[in-house]
């Protein structure tokens, strides 16, 4: 049975693909990052957030795939960390929401995390730690540590689904 959470993933992607970027991201933050976002909803600076999204320049990652990109490249590292820092400064987004936004805007490149996944792998919340997490996920992927990845989704999403065993969102 498909979970509502999976439908929200699809709805968020559809809204973004239809050009309704803010609507899609707010839907995602309100459902997939609700532990954080619910406290910021009344005062969330939507205009500032929209400016930050433009400042992030996600176009840099449009032609990059997680599995093929050399994450050791200094430009890749600096851009990953710059975007993460820009997004995680928002109350209601923070460290979990930043990775989710990054994934939804570049689903072939960014892997999401949540607190439990991050803690399982022993990472903190800084941009450097997220970059190191991406490196670990890529190494683990290339070494075949993710068995039976879900078909029909991007590699970063399939890794996220595999990591749900460590997540706050385990299927019951």
Foldseek 3Di string as FASTA:
>chain_A
DDDVLVVLLVVLLVCVVVVNNVVSLVSCLCPVVVVFQVVCVVPFPSVLLVVLVVVLPLVVCQPPALLPDDLVDPVNLVSQQVQQVSQLVTGSQHQQNSQVSSCSSRVRHGAGDDPQLCVVVPFDRHSVRRSVVSVVLNVCVVVVVQPPFDPPGHPSVSVNVSSCVRPPDNDD
